[in-house]
Amino acid sequence: MAKQCAITGKTSIVGGGYSNRVRATKCNPTGTRRRYANLQTKTYFVPELDKKITLTISTKGMKTIAKKGIFKALKDAELI
């Protein structure tokens, strides 16, 4: 299973490290670090399908499901 949100498609990104020393001098690079999406494993009951579905979704995806409803969100993400 990939580390990606099933609803929004969010994945990790690579960003720059930033230390207090860089902040002071502006000439001391600290390299890069990977920033991960806030992924959670949630189980939802879909009444239209009459079954439970377990998803790995971001917290933004949870808000999307709360707003649209689980069936519409899954249909928009082309999971059903």
N, C-alpha and C. Protein backbone atom coordinates (compact mmCIF):
# COMPACT_ATOMS: atom_id res chain seq x y z
N MET A 1 0.84 -1.17 0.00
CA MET A 1 0.00 0.00 0.00
C MET A 1 0.89 1.24 0.00
N ALA A 2 0.64 2.15 -0.92
CA ALA A 2 1.44 3.35 -1.02
C ALA A 2 1.08 4.34 0.07
N LYS A 3 2.05 5.19 0.42
CA LYS A 3 1.78 6.23 1.40
C LYS A 3 1.16 7.42 0.68
N GLN A 4 -0.11 7.25 0.32
CA GLN A 4 -0.83 8.27 -0.44
C GLN A 4 -2.28 8.26 0.00
N CYS A 5 -2.87 9.44 0.06
CA CYS A 5 -4.28 9.56 0.43
C CYS A 5 -5.15 9.04 -0.71
N ALA A 6 -6.12 8.20 -0.39
CA ALA A 6 -7.00 7.63 -1.40
C ALA A 6 -7.97 8.67 -1.96
N ILE A 7 -8.32 9.68 -1.18
CA ILE A 7 -9.31 10.67 -1.59
C ILE A 7 -8.65 11.86 -2.29
N THR A 8 -7.65 12.46 -1.66
CA THR A 8 -7.04 13.69 -2.21
C THR A 8 -5.79 13.44 -3.03
N GLY A 9 -5.15 12.28 -2.86
CA GLY A 9 -3.93 11.99 -3.60
C GLY A 9 -2.68 12.59 -2.99
N LYS A 10 -2.77 13.09 -1.76
CA LYS A 10 -1.61 13.70 -1.10
C LYS A 10 -0.54 12.66 -0.82
N THR A 11 0.73 13.05 -1.07
CA THR A 11 1.87 12.19 -0.78
C THR A 11 2.89 13.02 -0.01
N SER A 12 4.07 12.44 0.20
CA SER A 12 5.13 13.19 0.88
C SER A 12 5.81 14.12 -0.12
N ILE A 13 6.46 15.16 0.41
CA ILE A 13 7.21 16.09 -0.43
C ILE A 13 8.59 16.28 0.20
N VAL A 14 9.54 16.74 -0.62
CA VAL A 14 10.88 17.00 -0.13
C VAL A 14 11.02 18.50 0.04
N GLY A 15 11.42 18.92 1.24
CA GLY A 15 11.61 20.34 1.52
C GLY A 15 12.97 20.56 2.13
N GLY A 16 13.33 21.79 2.27
CA GLY A 16 14.62 22.12 2.82
C GLY A 16 14.62 22.10 4.34
N GLY A 17 15.73 21.66 4.91
CA GLY A 17 15.90 21.76 6.35
C GLY A 17 16.24 23.20 6.70
N TYR A 18 15.91 23.63 7.89
CA TYR A 18 16.11 25.02 8.25
C TYR A 18 16.45 25.10 9.72
N SER A 19 17.69 25.39 10.01
CA SER A 19 18.13 25.43 11.40
C SER A 19 18.23 26.87 11.88
N ASN A 20 18.42 27.05 13.16
CA ASN A 20 18.59 28.38 13.72
C ASN A 20 19.89 29.02 13.21
N ARG A 21 20.89 28.18 12.94
CA ARG A 21 22.16 28.71 12.43
C ARG A 21 21.97 29.31 11.03
N VAL A 22 21.20 28.65 10.20
CA VAL A 22 20.90 29.18 8.86
C VAL A 22 20.15 30.50 9.00
N ARG A 23 19.25 30.53 9.93
CA ARG A 23 18.47 31.74 10.16
C ARG A 23 19.40 32.91 10.53
N ALA A 24 20.47 32.59 11.26
CA ALA A 24 21.39 33.64 11.71
C ALA A 24 22.35 34.07 10.61
N THR A 25 22.84 33.11 9.79
CA THR A 25 23.91 33.44 8.84
C THR A 25 23.46 33.50 7.39
N LYS A 26 22.41 32.79 7.02
CA LYS A 26 21.91 32.71 5.65
C LYS A 26 22.91 32.06 4.69
N CYS A 27 23.93 31.36 5.19
CA CYS A 27 24.90 30.75 4.28
C CYS A 27 25.31 29.37 4.74
N ASN A 28 24.49 28.69 5.51
CA ASN A 28 24.86 27.39 6.04
C ASN A 28 23.76 26.38 5.69
N PRO A 29 23.81 25.78 4.50
CA PRO A 29 22.71 24.89 4.08
C PRO A 29 22.65 23.63 4.94
N THR A 30 21.45 23.15 5.19
CA THR A 30 21.27 21.97 6.05
C THR A 30 20.75 20.78 5.27
N GLY A 31 20.64 20.86 3.95
CA GLY A 31 20.17 19.73 3.16
C GLY A 31 18.66 19.68 3.08
N THR A 32 18.16 18.52 2.69
CA THR A 32 16.72 18.36 2.50
C THR A 32 16.18 17.32 3.47
N ARG A 33 14.89 17.38 3.69
CA ARG A 33 14.21 16.36 4.49
C ARG A 33 12.84 16.11 3.89
N ARG A 34 12.35 14.91 4.11
CA ARG A 34 11.05 14.53 3.56
C ARG A 34 9.96 14.89 4.56
N ARG A 35 8.91 15.52 4.06
CA ARG A 35 7.77 15.90 4.90
C ARG A 35 6.59 15.03 4.49
N TYR A 36 6.09 14.26 5.45
CA TYR A 36 5.05 13.28 5.16
C TYR A 36 3.66 13.87 5.39
N ALA A 37 2.72 13.39 4.59
CA ALA A 37 1.32 13.78 4.77
C ALA A 37 0.79 13.13 6.05
N ASN A 38 -0.20 13.75 6.66
CA ASN A 38 -0.80 13.23 7.89
C ASN A 38 -1.84 12.16 7.51
N LEU A 39 -1.37 10.93 7.32
CA LEU A 39 -2.23 9.84 6.87
C LEU A 39 -2.74 9.03 8.05
N GLN A 40 -4.01 8.70 7.99
CA GLN A 40 -4.67 7.90 9.02
C GLN A 40 -5.38 6.74 8.34
N THR A 41 -5.52 5.63 9.05
CA THR A 41 -6.29 4.49 8.55
C THR A 41 -7.66 4.54 9.21
N LYS A 42 -8.69 4.65 8.39
CA LYS A 42 -10.06 4.77 8.89
C LYS A 42 -10.95 3.74 8.21
N THR A 43 -11.93 3.24 8.95
CA THR A 43 -12.93 2.34 8.40
C THR A 43 -14.26 3.07 8.35
N TYR A 44 -14.86 3.09 7.17
CA TYR A 44 -16.15 3.75 6.96
C TYR A 44 -17.18 2.72 6.52
N PHE A 45 -18.40 2.91 6.95
CA PHE A 45 -19.51 2.10 6.48
C PHE A 45 -20.22 2.85 5.37
N VAL A 46 -20.38 2.18 4.22
CA VAL A 46 -21.05 2.78 3.06
C VAL A 46 -22.43 2.15 2.96
N PRO A 47 -23.49 2.90 3.31
CA PRO A 47 -24.83 2.31 3.31
C PRO A 47 -25.32 1.92 1.91
N GLU A 48 -24.89 2.64 0.88
CA GLU A 48 -25.32 2.32 -0.48
C GLU A 48 -24.78 0.97 -0.94
N LEU A 49 -23.58 0.61 -0.47
CA LEU A 49 -22.97 -0.68 -0.81
C LEU A 49 -23.22 -1.73 0.26
N ASP A 50 -23.69 -1.29 1.42
CA ASP A 50 -23.96 -2.14 2.57
C ASP A 50 -22.73 -2.93 3.01
N LYS A 51 -21.56 -2.24 3.05
CA LYS A 51 -20.35 -2.87 3.56
C LYS A 51 -19.38 -1.82 4.09
N LYS A 52 -18.36 -2.30 4.83
CA LYS A 52 -17.35 -1.43 5.39
C LYS A 52 -16.16 -1.35 4.45
N ILE A 53 -15.54 -0.16 4.38
CA ILE A 53 -14.35 0.06 3.56
C ILE A 53 -13.28 0.68 4.43
N THR A 54 -12.07 0.11 4.41
CA THR A 54 -10.94 0.66 5.14
C THR A 54 -10.08 1.46 4.18
N LEU A 55 -9.80 2.71 4.53
CA LEU A 55 -9.05 3.62 3.67
C LEU A 55 -7.86 4.20 4.41
N THR A 56 -6.80 4.49 3.68
CA THR A 56 -5.70 5.29 4.21
C THR A 56 -5.88 6.68 3.64
N ILE A 57 -6.28 7.62 4.49
CA ILE A 57 -6.61 8.96 4.01
C ILE A 57 -5.95 10.02 4.88
N SER A 58 -5.77 11.19 4.30
CA SER A 58 -5.23 12.32 5.04
C SER A 58 -6.35 12.96 5.85
N THR A 59 -5.97 13.84 6.75
CA THR A 59 -6.98 14.52 7.55
C THR A 59 -7.81 15.45 6.69
N LYS A 60 -7.24 15.99 5.64
CA LYS A 60 -8.01 16.79 4.68
C LYS A 60 -9.05 15.91 3.98
N GLY A 61 -8.67 14.67 3.69
CA GLY A 61 -9.61 13.72 3.09
C GLY A 61 -10.76 13.40 4.02
N MET A 62 -10.48 13.35 5.33
CA MET A 62 -11.54 13.12 6.32
C MET A 62 -12.55 14.27 6.29
N LYS A 63 -12.04 15.49 6.18
CA LYS A 63 -12.93 16.65 6.11
C LYS A 63 -13.76 16.61 4.83
N THR A 64 -13.17 16.15 3.73
CA THR A 64 -13.88 16.04 2.47
C THR A 64 -15.01 15.02 2.59
N ILE A 65 -14.74 13.89 3.24
CA ILE A 65 -15.76 12.86 3.44
C ILE A 65 -16.87 13.39 4.35
N ALA A 66 -16.51 14.15 5.37
CA ALA A 66 -17.53 14.72 6.27
C ALA A 66 -18.42 15.71 5.53
N LYS A 67 -17.85 16.42 4.57
CA LYS A 67 -18.61 17.43 3.83
C LYS A 67 -19.49 16.79 2.75
N LYS A 68 -18.91 15.91 1.93
CA LYS A 68 -19.63 15.34 0.79
C LYS A 68 -20.42 14.10 1.11
N GLY A 69 -19.93 13.34 2.08
CA GLY A 69 -20.48 12.01 2.33
C GLY A 69 -19.54 10.98 1.74
N ILE A 70 -19.52 9.79 2.32
CA ILE A 70 -18.55 8.78 1.93
C ILE A 70 -18.78 8.29 0.50
N PHE A 71 -20.03 8.06 0.10
CA PHE A 71 -20.31 7.51 -1.23
C PHE A 71 -19.90 8.49 -2.32
N LYS A 72 -20.25 9.77 -2.15
CA LYS A 72 -19.92 10.79 -3.17
C LYS A 72 -18.42 10.99 -3.23
N ALA A 73 -17.73 11.00 -2.10
CA ALA A 73 -16.27 11.18 -2.08
C ALA A 73 -15.57 10.03 -2.76
N LEU A 74 -16.01 8.80 -2.51
CA LEU A 74 -15.41 7.64 -3.17
C LEU A 74 -15.68 7.65 -4.67
N LYS A 75 -16.86 8.10 -5.05
CA LYS A 75 -17.21 8.17 -6.48
C LYS A 75 -16.37 9.23 -7.18
N ASP A 76 -16.17 10.40 -6.54
CA ASP A 76 -15.35 11.45 -7.13
C ASP A 76 -13.88 11.03 -7.25
N ALA A 77 -13.40 10.22 -6.31
CA ALA A 77 -12.02 9.73 -6.35
C ALA A 77 -11.88 8.51 -7.24
N GLU A 78 -12.99 8.06 -7.85
CA GLU A 78 -13.04 6.91 -8.75
C GLU A 78 -12.57 5.63 -8.07
N LEU A 79 -12.97 5.46 -6.81
CA LEU A 79 -12.64 4.23 -6.09
C LEU A 79 -13.78 3.22 -6.18
N ILE A 80 -14.98 3.68 -6.54
CA ILE A 80 -16.11 2.76 -6.75
C ILE A 80 -16.79 3.11 -8.07
